[in-house]
Structure formats: structure tokens, C-alpha cells
């Protein structure tokens, strides 16, 4: 059974446009490779000041992705994201079916 998820990423602010595109395409490819489907993906906010420094960065680029996948994919995503130096922080939450439309 597939579940609905939202993932918010804070990426390094010093990445070029091409590097950001490559990074975000990797997120989508990892989801689709594992038979998930991306409903929506977009930059939520570019270069926003952080509440506190993360890895010596004062700003970050926010990227939001909404997707549907098997629960087993989440562990794979977390493992991949921990190894990615361009991700300052990430949060993946499971959405209720009633929240899918919103």
C-alpha cells in the first residue's frame, strides 16, 4: 500500500542553479526509481535566512516535494540524504489521505 508524503529540504545557499537542478532531479529520480510518484515539486523559498546556523550557513534554499510511495522508500531516502553534503536539513512527513488534496 502506498502512502502520501511531503518532504522539505534545506539546501546549501551557495549552490549554482545547475547544481540545484541536479540535486532536485536526484530526489525525484530516487522516488520514481522505487516505483513512487511525484505529485508536486517546487522551490518553496530561495535563500531564506535560517533561525540558527546550520553547518556554518546562515541561509538555505527550501525545496518542497510531495509524493506517493511505499513506506520502505523512506528509509532509503533518509540513508541517501544523510550522505548528501548539499542537504543541510530535511524532514519527511506522512500525510493522511484526507490531507492529500491540500
PDB file of N, CA and C in Angstrom:
ATOM      1  N   UNK A   1       0.842  -1.188   0.000  1.00  0.00           N
ATOM      2  CA  UNK A   1       0.000   0.000   0.000  1.00  0.00           C
ATOM      3  C   UNK A   1       0.886   1.250   0.000  1.00  0.00           C
ATOM      4  N   UNK A   2       0.549   2.166  -0.844  1.00  0.00           N
ATOM      5  CA  UNK A   2       1.331   3.398  -0.942  1.00  0.00           C
ATOM      6  C   UNK A   2       0.749   4.463  -0.011  1.00  0.00           C
ATOM      7  N   UNK A   3       1.637   5.289   0.505  1.00  0.00           N
ATOM      8  CA  UNK A   3       1.256   6.395   1.372  1.00  0.00           C
ATOM      9  C   UNK A   3       1.644   7.708   0.711  1.00  0.00           C
ATOM     10  N   UNK A   4       1.054   8.784   1.195  1.00  0.00           N
ATOM     11  CA  UNK A   4       1.378  10.121   0.709  1.00  0.00           C
ATOM     12  C   UNK A   4       2.352  10.777   1.678  1.00  0.00           C
ATOM     13  N   UNK A   5       3.358  11.437   1.111  1.00  0.00           N
ATOM     14  CA  UNK A   5       4.389  12.075   1.922  1.00  0.00           C
ATOM     15  C   UNK A   5       4.682  13.477   1.411  1.00  0.00           C
ATOM     16  N   UNK A   6       5.231  14.284   2.303  1.00  0.00           N
ATOM     17  CA  UNK A   6       5.793  15.579   1.947  1.00  0.00           C
ATOM     18  C   UNK A   6       7.201  15.612   2.505  1.00  0.00           C
ATOM     19  N   UNK A   7       8.117  16.106   1.711  1.00  0.00           N
ATOM     20  CA  UNK A   7       9.497  16.253   2.162  1.00  0.00           C
ATOM     21  C   UNK A   7       9.936  17.697   1.932  1.00  0.00           C
ATOM     22  N   UNK A   8      10.533  18.283   2.958  1.00  0.00           N
ATOM     23  CA  UNK A   8      11.077  19.631   2.863  1.00  0.00           C
ATOM     24  C   UNK A   8      12.587  19.519   3.029  1.00  0.00           C
ATOM     25  N   UNK A   9      13.301  20.114   2.101  1.00  0.00           N
ATOM     26  CA  UNK A   9      14.756  20.090   2.137  1.00  0.00           C
ATOM     27  C   UNK A   9      15.267  21.513   2.284  1.00  0.00           C
ATOM     28  N   UNK A  10      16.327  21.660   3.055  1.00  0.00           N
ATOM     29  CA  UNK A  10      17.068  22.919   3.096  1.00  0.00           C
ATOM     30  C   UNK A  10      18.417  22.603   2.480  1.00  0.00           C
ATOM     31  N   UNK A  11      18.670  23.229   1.354  1.00  0.00           N
ATOM     32  CA  UNK A  11      19.905  23.002   0.602  1.00  0.00           C
ATOM     33  C   UNK A  11      20.875  24.154   0.820  1.00  0.00           C
ATOM     34  N   UNK A  12      22.141  23.888   0.567  1.00  0.00           N
ATOM     35  CA  UNK A  12      23.160  24.927   0.721  1.00  0.00           C
ATOM     36  C   UNK A  12      22.834  26.125  -0.177  1.00  0.00           C
ATOM     37  N   UNK A  13      22.999  27.343   0.333  1.00  0.00           N
ATOM     38  CA  UNK A  13      22.664  28.529  -0.456  1.00  0.00           C
ATOM     39  C   UNK A  13      23.688  28.873  -1.527  1.00  0.00           C
ATOM     40  N   UNK A  14      24.867  28.290  -1.452  1.00  0.00           N
ATOM     41  CA  UNK A  14      25.915  28.637  -2.414  1.00  0.00           C
ATOM     42  C   UNK A  14      25.934  27.729  -3.643  1.00  0.00           C
ATOM     43  N   UNK A  15      24.917  26.895  -3.815  1.00  0.00           N
ATOM     44  CA  UNK A  15      24.841  26.034  -4.993  1.00  0.00           C
ATOM     45  C   UNK A  15      24.384  26.852  -6.203  1.00  0.00           C
ATOM     46  N   UNK A  16      24.956  26.537  -7.356  1.00  0.00           N
ATOM     47  CA  UNK A  16      24.538  27.224  -8.579  1.00  0.00           C
ATOM     48  C   UNK A  16      23.163  26.710  -9.001  1.00  0.00           C
ATOM     49  N   UNK A  17      22.550  27.375  -9.957  1.00  0.00           N
ATOM     50  CA  UNK A  17      21.241  26.955 -10.476  1.00  0.00           C
ATOM     51  C   UNK A  17      21.326  25.528 -11.029  1.00  0.00           C
ATOM     52  N   UNK A  18      22.383  25.225 -11.764  1.00  0.00           N
ATOM     53  CA  UNK A  18      22.563  23.883 -12.321  1.00  0.00           C
ATOM     54  C   UNK A  18      22.727  22.839 -11.224  1.00  0.00           C
ATOM     55  N   UNK A  19      23.478  23.177 -10.190  1.00  0.00           N
ATOM     56  CA  UNK A  19      23.663  22.243  -9.073  1.00  0.00           C
ATOM     57  C   UNK A  19      22.350  22.002  -8.331  1.00  0.00           C
ATOM     58  N   UNK A  20      21.556  23.055  -8.163  1.00  0.00           N
ATOM     59  CA  UNK A  20      20.243  22.902  -7.526  1.00  0.00           C
ATOM     60  C   UNK A  20      19.331  22.016  -8.364  1.00  0.00           C
ATOM     61  N   UNK A  21      19.343  22.238  -9.682  1.00  0.00           N
ATOM     62  CA  UNK A  21      18.521  21.409 -10.572  1.00  0.00           C
ATOM     63  C   UNK A  21      18.958  19.945 -10.516  1.00  0.00           C
ATOM     64  N   UNK A  22      20.247  19.718 -10.511  1.00  0.00           N
ATOM     65  CA  UNK A  22      20.766  18.343 -10.432  1.00  0.00           C
ATOM     66  C   UNK A  22      20.344  17.693  -9.123  1.00  0.00           C
ATOM     67  N   UNK A  23      20.470  18.433  -8.045  1.00  0.00           N
ATOM     68  CA  UNK A  23      20.118  17.916  -6.720  1.00  0.00           C
ATOM     69  C   UNK A  23      18.633  17.564  -6.642  1.00  0.00           C
ATOM     70  N   UNK A  24      17.788  18.459  -7.105  1.00  0.00           N
ATOM     71  CA  UNK A  24      16.347  18.221  -7.018  1.00  0.00           C
ATOM     72  C   UNK A  24      15.905  17.107  -7.975  1.00  0.00           C
ATOM     73  N   UNK A  25      16.559  17.000  -9.120  1.00  0.00           N
ATOM     74  CA  UNK A  25      16.254  15.895 -10.038  1.00  0.00           C
ATOM     75  C   UNK A  25      16.628  14.549  -9.423  1.00  0.00           C
ATOM     76  N   UNK A  26      17.685  14.534  -8.633  1.00  0.00           N
ATOM     77  CA  UNK A  26      18.075  13.300  -7.952  1.00  0.00           C
ATOM     78  C   UNK A  26      17.001  12.853  -6.964  1.00  0.00           C
ATOM     79  N   UNK A  27      16.384  13.805  -6.260  1.00  0.00           N
ATOM     80  CA  UNK A  27      15.306  13.466  -5.334  1.00  0.00           C
ATOM     81  C   UNK A  27      14.173  12.776  -6.085  1.00  0.00           C
ATOM     82  N   UNK A  28      13.772  13.393  -7.196  1.00  0.00           N
ATOM     83  CA  UNK A  28      12.656  12.858  -7.986  1.00  0.00           C
ATOM     84  C   UNK A  28      12.996  11.492  -8.576  1.00  0.00           C
ATOM     85  N   UNK A  29      14.216  11.352  -9.090  1.00  0.00           N
ATOM     86  CA  UNK A  29      14.634  10.078  -9.692  1.00  0.00           C
ATOM     87  C   UNK A  29      14.652   8.951  -8.673  1.00  0.00           C
ATOM     88  N   UNK A  30      15.096   9.244  -7.469  1.00  0.00           N
ATOM     89  CA  UNK A  30      15.132   8.224  -6.423  1.00  0.00           C
ATOM     90  C   UNK A  30      13.724   7.741  -6.088  1.00  0.00           C
ATOM     91  N   UNK A  31      12.778   8.652  -6.065  1.00  0.00           N
ATOM     92  CA  UNK A  31      11.381   8.294  -5.781  1.00  0.00           C
ATOM     93  C   UNK A  31      10.798   7.465  -6.915  1.00  0.00           C
ATOM     94  N   UNK A  32      10.966   7.912  -8.143  1.00  0.00           N
ATOM     95  CA  UNK A  32      10.373   7.195  -9.277  1.00  0.00           C
ATOM     96  C   UNK A  32      11.074   5.860  -9.544  1.00  0.00           C
ATOM     97  N   UNK A  33      12.361   5.784  -9.252  1.00  0.00           N
ATOM     98  CA  UNK A  33      13.098   4.536  -9.432  1.00  0.00           C
ATOM     99  C   UNK A  33      12.534   3.435  -8.523  1.00  0.00           C
ATOM    100  N   UNK A  34      12.035   3.833  -7.372  1.00  0.00           N
ATOM    101  CA  UNK A  34      11.469   2.881  -6.410  1.00  0.00           C
ATOM    102  C   UNK A  34       9.950   2.762  -6.566  1.00  0.00           C
ATOM    103  N   UNK A  35       9.455   3.084  -7.754  1.00  0.00           N
ATOM    104  CA  UNK A  35       8.040   2.963  -8.104  1.00  0.00           C
ATOM    105  C   UNK A  35       7.123   3.898  -7.317  1.00  0.00           C
ATOM    106  N   UNK A  36       7.669   5.012  -6.890  1.00  0.00           N
ATOM    107  CA  UNK A  36       6.859   6.058  -6.288  1.00  0.00           C
ATOM    108  C   UNK A  36       6.457   7.050  -7.361  1.00  0.00           C
ATOM    109  N   UNK A  37       5.607   7.982  -7.005  1.00  0.00           N
ATOM    110  CA  UNK A  37       5.217   9.010  -7.973  1.00  0.00           C
ATOM    111  C   UNK A  37       5.243  10.376  -7.310  1.00  0.00           C
ATOM    112  N   UNK A  38       5.792  11.337  -8.024  1.00  0.00           N
ATOM    113  CA  UNK A  38       5.894  12.712  -7.537  1.00  0.00           C
ATOM    114  C   UNK A  38       4.656  13.472  -7.975  1.00  0.00           C
ATOM    115  N   UNK A  39       3.910  14.033  -7.012  1.00  0.00           N
ATOM    116  CA  UNK A  39       2.743  14.821  -7.337  1.00  0.00           C
ATOM    117  C   UNK A  39       3.098  16.289  -7.596  1.00  0.00           C
ATOM    118  N   UNK A  40       4.001  16.802  -6.789  1.00  0.00           N
ATOM    119  CA  UNK A  40       4.350  18.214  -6.883  1.00  0.00           C
ATOM    120  C   UNK A  40       5.767  18.401  -6.361  1.00  0.00           C
ATOM    121  N   UNK A  41       6.518  19.268  -6.998  1.00  0.00           N
ATOM    122  CA  UNK A  41       7.878  19.564  -6.553  1.00  0.00           C
ATOM    123  C   UNK A  41       8.211  20.995  -6.958  1.00  0.00           C
ATOM    124  N   UNK A  42       8.672  21.782  -5.991  1.00  0.00           N
ATOM    125  CA  UNK A  42       8.989  23.173  -6.307  1.00  0.00           C
ATOM    126  C   UNK A  42       9.876  23.780  -5.228  1.00  0.00           C
ATOM    127  N   UNK A  43      10.549  24.853  -5.617  1.00  0.00           N
ATOM    128  CA  UNK A  43      11.299  25.616  -4.634  1.00  0.00           C
ATOM    129  C   UNK A  43      10.297  26.380  -3.807  1.00  0.00           C
ATOM    130  N   UNK A  44      10.338  26.176  -2.525  1.00  0.00           N
ATOM    131  CA  UNK A  44       9.386  26.822  -1.619  1.00  0.00           C
ATOM    132  C   UNK A  44       9.847  28.239  -1.319  1.00  0.00           C
ATOM    133  N   UNK A  45      11.126  28.360  -1.083  1.00  0.00           N
ATOM    134  CA  UNK A  45      11.697  29.680  -0.870  1.00  0.00           C
ATOM    135  C   UNK A  45      13.185  29.603  -1.146  1.00  0.00           C
ATOM    136  N   UNK A  46      13.672  30.565  -1.891  1.00  0.00           N
ATOM    137  CA  UNK A  46      15.092  30.575  -2.205  1.00  0.00           C
ATOM    138  C   UNK A  46      15.842  31.507  -1.262  1.00  0.00           C
ATOM    139  N   UNK A  47      16.947  31.016  -0.765  1.00  0.00           N
ATOM    140  CA  UNK A  47      17.851  31.758   0.117  1.00  0.00           C
ATOM    141  C   UNK A  47      17.130  32.488   1.234  1.00  0.00           C
ATOM    142  N   UNK A  48      16.545  31.723   2.088  1.00  0.00           N
ATOM    143  CA  UNK A  48      15.890  32.275   3.269  1.00  0.00           C
ATOM    144  C   UNK A  48      16.860  32.218   4.455  1.00  0.00           C
ATOM    145  N   UNK A  49      16.806  33.253   5.267  1.00  0.00           N
ATOM    146  CA  UNK A  49      17.651  33.290   6.465  1.00  0.00           C
ATOM    147  C   UNK A  49      17.182  32.218   7.430  1.00  0.00           C
ATOM    148  N   UNK A  50      18.139  31.466   7.965  1.00  0.00           N
ATOM    149  CA  UNK A  50      17.833  30.402   8.908  1.00  0.00           C
ATOM    150  C   UNK A  50      17.703  30.971  10.322  1.00  0.00           C
ATOM    151  N   UNK A  51      16.937  30.313  11.154  1.00  0.00           N
ATOM    152  CA  UNK A  51      16.755  30.759  12.539  1.00  0.00           C
ATOM    153  C   UNK A  51      18.063  30.638  13.328  1.00  0.00           C
ATOM    154  N   UNK A  52      18.887  29.678  12.945  1.00  0.00           N
ATOM    155  CA  UNK A  52      20.183  29.482  13.579  1.00  0.00           C
ATOM    156  C   UNK A  52      21.114  28.861  12.532  1.00  0.00           C
ATOM    157  N   UNK A  53      22.412  29.049  12.686  1.00  0.00           N
ATOM    158  CA  UNK A  53      23.345  28.500  11.692  1.00  0.00           C
ATOM    159  C   UNK A  53      23.287  26.970  11.636  1.00  0.00           C
ATOM    160  N   UNK A  54      23.335  26.441  10.427  1.00  0.00           N
ATOM    161  CA  UNK A  54      23.402  25.005  10.210  1.00  0.00           C
ATOM    162  C   UNK A  54      24.637  24.754   9.352  1.00  0.00           C
ATOM    163  N   UNK A  55      25.570  23.991   9.894  1.00  0.00           N
ATOM    164  CA  UNK A  55      26.834  23.690   9.199  1.00  0.00           C
ATOM    165  C   UNK A  55      27.511  24.972   8.707  1.00  0.00           C
ATOM    166  N   UNK A  56      27.487  25.979   9.547  1.00  0.00           N
ATOM    167  CA  UNK A  56      28.099  27.287   9.293  1.00  0.00           C
ATOM    168  C   UNK A  56      27.414  28.102   8.198  1.00  0.00           C
ATOM    169  N   UNK A  57      26.199  27.763   7.825  1.00  0.00           N
ATOM    170  CA  UNK A  57      25.431  28.542   6.855  1.00  0.00           C
ATOM    171  C   UNK A  57      24.344  29.330   7.578  1.00  0.00           C
ATOM    172  N   UNK A  58      24.191  30.591   7.179  1.00  0.00           N
ATOM    173  CA  UNK A  58      23.166  31.463   7.760  1.00  0.00           C
ATOM    174  C   UNK A  58      21.876  31.451   6.939  1.00  0.00           C
ATOM    175  N   UNK A  59      21.960  30.971   5.683  1.00  0.00           N
ATOM    176  CA  UNK A  59      20.816  30.917   4.773  1.00  0.00           C
ATOM    177  C   UNK A  59      20.704  29.525   4.188  1.00  0.00           C
ATOM    178  N   UNK A  60      19.535  29.248   3.609  1.00  0.00           N
ATOM    179  CA  UNK A  60      19.329  27.979   2.945  1.00  0.00           C
ATOM    180  C   UNK A  60      18.280  28.115   1.857  1.00  0.00           C
ATOM    181  N   UNK A  61      18.301  27.196   0.913  1.00  0.00           N
ATOM    182  CA  UNK A  61      17.313  27.161  -0.167  1.00  0.00           C
ATOM    183  C   UNK A  61      16.309  26.060   0.185  1.00  0.00           C
ATOM    184  N   UNK A  62      15.044  26.424   0.255  1.00  0.00           N
ATOM    185  CA  UNK A  62      13.995  25.484   0.657  1.00  0.00           C
ATOM    186  C   UNK A  62      13.352  24.840  -0.576  1.00  0.00           C
ATOM    187  N   UNK A  63      13.223  23.519  -0.535  1.00  0.00           N
ATOM    188  CA  UNK A  63      12.645  22.769  -1.639  1.00  0.00           C
ATOM    189  C   UNK A  63      11.601  21.807  -1.075  1.00  0.00           C
ATOM    190  N   UNK A  64      10.398  21.851  -1.636  1.00  0.00           N
ATOM    191  CA  UNK A  64       9.289  21.022  -1.165  1.00  0.00           C
ATOM    192  C   UNK A  64       8.911  20.027  -2.253  1.00  0.00           C
ATOM    193  N   UNK A  65       8.730  18.770  -1.854  1.00  0.00           N
ATOM    194  CA  UNK A  65       8.309  17.744  -2.796  1.00  0.00           C
ATOM    195  C   UNK A  65       7.211  16.902  -2.149  1.00  0.00           C
ATOM    196  N   UNK A  66       6.125  16.698  -2.892  1.00  0.00           N
ATOM    197  CA  UNK A  66       5.014  15.868  -2.438  1.00  0.00           C
ATOM    198  C   UNK A  66       4.999  14.627  -3.308  1.00  0.00           C
ATOM    199  N   UNK A  67       4.913  13.462  -2.656  1.00  0.00           N
ATOM    200  CA  UNK A  67       4.990  12.228  -3.419  1.00  0.00           C
ATOM    201  C   UNK A  67       4.211  11.099  -2.752  1.00  0.00           C
ATOM    202  N   UNK A  68       4.031  10.045  -3.529  1.00  0.00           N
ATOM    203  CA  UNK A  68       3.348   8.846  -3.073  1.00  0.00           C
ATOM    204  C   UNK A  68       4.319   7.682  -3.255  1.00  0.00           C
ATOM    205  N   UNK A  69       4.452   6.841  -2.226  1.00  0.00           N
ATOM    206  CA  UNK A  69       5.365   5.708  -2.326  1.00  0.00           C
ATOM    207  C   UNK A  69       5.063   4.671  -1.260  1.00  0.00           C
ATOM    208  N   UNK A  70       5.747   3.543  -1.399  1.00  0.00           N
ATOM    209  CA  UNK A  70       5.688   2.519  -0.358  1.00  0.00           C
ATOM    210  C   UNK A  70       6.488   3.018   0.844  1.00  0.00           C
ATOM    211  N   UNK A  71       6.098   2.622   2.049  1.00  0.00           N
ATOM    212  CA  UNK A  71       6.826   3.062   3.246  1.00  0.00           C
ATOM    213  C   UNK A  71       8.305   2.650   3.240  1.00  0.00           C
ATOM    214  N   UNK A  72       8.649   1.587   2.548  1.00  0.00           N
ATOM    215  CA  UNK A  72      10.040   1.124   2.522  1.00  0.00           C
ATOM    216  C   UNK A  72      10.984   2.133   1.862  1.00  0.00           C
ATOM    217  N   UNK A  73      10.450   2.998   1.033  1.00  0.00           N
ATOM    218  CA  UNK A  73      11.283   4.001   0.357  1.00  0.00           C
ATOM    219  C   UNK A  73      11.838   5.036   1.334  1.00  0.00           C
ATOM    220  N   UNK A  74      11.117   5.328   2.391  1.00  0.00           N
ATOM    221  CA  UNK A  74      11.521   6.394   3.309  1.00  0.00           C
ATOM    222  C   UNK A  74      12.893   6.102   3.927  1.00  0.00           C
ATOM    223  N   UNK A  75      13.137   4.881   4.320  1.00  0.00           N
ATOM    224  CA  UNK A  75      14.447   4.524   4.887  1.00  0.00           C
ATOM    225  C   UNK A  75      15.556   4.718   3.857  1.00  0.00           C
ATOM    226  N   UNK A  76      15.287   4.386   2.612  1.00  0.00           N
ATOM    227  CA  UNK A  76      16.276   4.570   1.540  1.00  0.00           C
ATOM    228  C   UNK A  76      16.548   6.055   1.305  1.00  0.00           C
ATOM    229  N   UNK A  77      15.490   6.867   1.337  1.00  0.00           N
ATOM    230  CA  UNK A  77      15.665   8.309   1.172  1.00  0.00           C
ATOM    231  C   UNK A  77      16.517   8.881   2.298  1.00  0.00           C
ATOM    232  N   UNK A  78      16.202   8.508   3.523  1.00  0.00           N
ATOM    233  CA  UNK A  78      16.949   9.028   4.678  1.00  0.00           C
ATOM    234  C   UNK A  78      18.416   8.648   4.598  1.00  0.00           C
ATOM    235  N   UNK A  79      18.696   7.409   4.210  1.00  0.00           N
ATOM    236  CA  UNK A  79      20.082   6.965   4.095  1.00  0.00           C
ATOM    237  C   UNK A  79      20.815   7.771   3.026  1.00  0.00           C
ATOM    238  N   UNK A  80      20.163   7.975   1.899  1.00  0.00           N
ATOM    239  CA  UNK A  80      20.754   8.747   0.804  1.00  0.00           C
ATOM    240  C   UNK A  80      20.993  10.196   1.216  1.00  0.00           C
ATOM    241  N   UNK A  81      20.030  10.793   1.923  1.00  0.00           N
ATOM    242  CA  UNK A  81      20.130  12.199   2.294  1.00  0.00           C
ATOM    243  C   UNK A  81      21.212  12.446   3.346  1.00  0.00           C
ATOM    244  N   UNK A  82      21.442  11.488   4.213  1.00  0.00           N
ATOM    245  CA  UNK A  82      22.488  11.657   5.223  1.00  0.00           C
ATOM    246  C   UNK A  82      23.866  11.730   4.580  1.00  0.00           C
ATOM    247  N   UNK A  83      24.017  11.109   3.429  1.00  0.00           N
ATOM    248  CA  UNK A  83      25.303  11.107   2.728  1.00  0.00           C
ATOM    249  C   UNK A  83      25.486  12.302   1.805  1.00  0.00           C
ATOM    250  N   UNK A  84      24.433  13.048   1.555  1.00  0.00           N
ATOM    251  CA  UNK A  84      24.463  14.169   0.621  1.00  0.00           C
ATOM    252  C   UNK A  84      24.911  15.440   1.342  1.00  0.00           C
ATOM    253  N   UNK A  85      26.079  15.929   0.995  1.00  0.00           N
ATOM    254  CA  UNK A  85      26.637  17.111   1.661  1.00  0.00           C
ATOM    255  C   UNK A  85      25.901  18.405   1.315  1.00  0.00           C
ATOM    256  N   UNK A  86      25.110  18.411   0.248  1.00  0.00           N
ATOM    257  CA  UNK A  86      24.401  19.628  -0.154  1.00  0.00           C
ATOM    258  C   UNK A  86      23.099  19.839   0.612  1.00  0.00           C
ATOM    259  N   UNK A  87      22.663  18.841   1.354  1.00  0.00           N
ATOM    260  CA  UNK A  87      21.439  18.959   2.153  1.00  0.00           C
ATOM    261  C   UNK A  87      21.829  19.363   3.572  1.00  0.00           C
ATOM    262  N   UNK A  88      21.350  20.540   3.989  1.00  0.00           N
ATOM    263  CA  UNK A  88      21.622  20.985   5.350  1.00  0.00           C
ATOM    264  C   UNK A  88      20.685  20.296   6.340  1.00  0.00           C
ATOM    265  N   UNK A  89      19.412  20.237   5.985  1.00  0.00           N
ATOM    266  CA  UNK A  89      18.388  19.573   6.805  1.00  0.00           C
ATOM    267  C   UNK A  89      17.297  19.060   5.886  1.00  0.00           C
ATOM    268  N   UNK A  90      16.549  18.058   6.376  1.00  0.00           N
ATOM    269  CA  UNK A  90      15.384  17.573   5.651  1.00  0.00           C
ATOM    270  C   UNK A  90      14.376  17.026   6.651  1.00  0.00           C
ATOM    271  N   UNK A  91      13.142  17.019   6.229  1.00  0.00           N
ATOM    272  CA  UNK A  91      12.064  16.465   7.040  1.00  0.00           C
ATOM    273  C   UNK A  91      11.085  15.792   6.093  1.00  0.00           C
ATOM    274  N   UNK A  92      10.764  14.540   6.392  1.00  0.00           N
ATOM    275  CA  UNK A  92       9.798  13.789   5.590  1.00  0.00           C
ATOM    276  C   UNK A  92       8.640  13.430   6.507  1.00  0.00           C
ATOM    277  N   UNK A  93       7.427  13.828   6.114  1.00  0.00           N
ATOM    278  CA  UNK A  93       6.251  13.506   6.926  1.00  0.00           C
ATOM    279  C   UNK A  93       5.237  12.727   6.100  1.00  0.00           C
ATOM    280  N   UNK A  94       4.547  11.838   6.775  1.00  0.00           N
ATOM    281  CA  UNK A  94       3.473  11.074   6.144  1.00  0.00           C
ATOM    282  C   UNK A  94       2.194  11.883   6.276  1.00  0.00           C
ATOM    283  N   UNK A  95       1.467  11.989   5.190  1.00  0.00           N
ATOM    284  CA  UNK A  95       0.212  12.735   5.196  1.00  0.00           C
ATOM    285  C   UNK A  95      -0.954  11.767   5.245  1.00  0.00           C
ATOM    286  N   UNK A  96      -1.999  12.183   5.925  1.00  0.00           N
ATOM    287  CA  UNK A  96      -3.255  11.409   5.898  1.00  0.00           C
ATOM    288  C   UNK A  96      -3.879  11.543   4.540  1.00  0.00           C
ATOM    289  N   UNK A  97      -4.673  10.580   4.136  1.00  0.00           N
ATOM    290  CA  UNK A  97      -5.344  10.630   2.840  1.00  0.00           C
ATOM    291  C   UNK A  97      -6.197  11.886   2.735  1.00  0.00           C
ATOM    292  N   UNK A  98      -6.830  12.301   3.826  1.00  0.00           N
ATOM    293  CA  UNK A  98      -7.659  13.499   3.811  1.00  0.00           C
ATOM    294  C   UNK A  98      -6.838  14.758   3.590  1.00  0.00           C
ATOM    295  N   UNK A  99      -5.521  14.709   3.862  1.00  0.00           N
ATOM    296  CA  UNK A  99      -4.640  15.859   3.671  1.00  0.00           C
ATOM    297  C   UNK A  99      -4.071  15.911   2.263  1.00  0.00           C
ATOM    298  N   UNK A 100      -4.244  14.864   1.473  1.00  0.00           N
ATOM    299  CA  UNK A 100      -3.625  14.784   0.146  1.00  0.00           C
ATOM    300  C   UNK A 100      -3.964  15.970  -0.728  1.00  0.00           C
ATOM    301  N   UNK A 101      -5.219  16.380  -0.749  1.00  0.00           N
ATOM    302  CA  UNK A 101      -5.634  17.465  -1.627  1.00  0.00           C
ATOM    303  C   UNK A 101      -5.016  18.789  -1.239  1.00  0.00           C
ATOM    304  N   UNK A 102      -4.686  19.000   0.000  1.00  0.00           N
ATOM    305  CA  UNK A 102      -4.190  20.276   0.478  1.00  0.00           C
ATOM    306  C   UNK A 102      -2.765  20.391   0.422  1.00  0.00           C
TER     307      UNK A 102
END
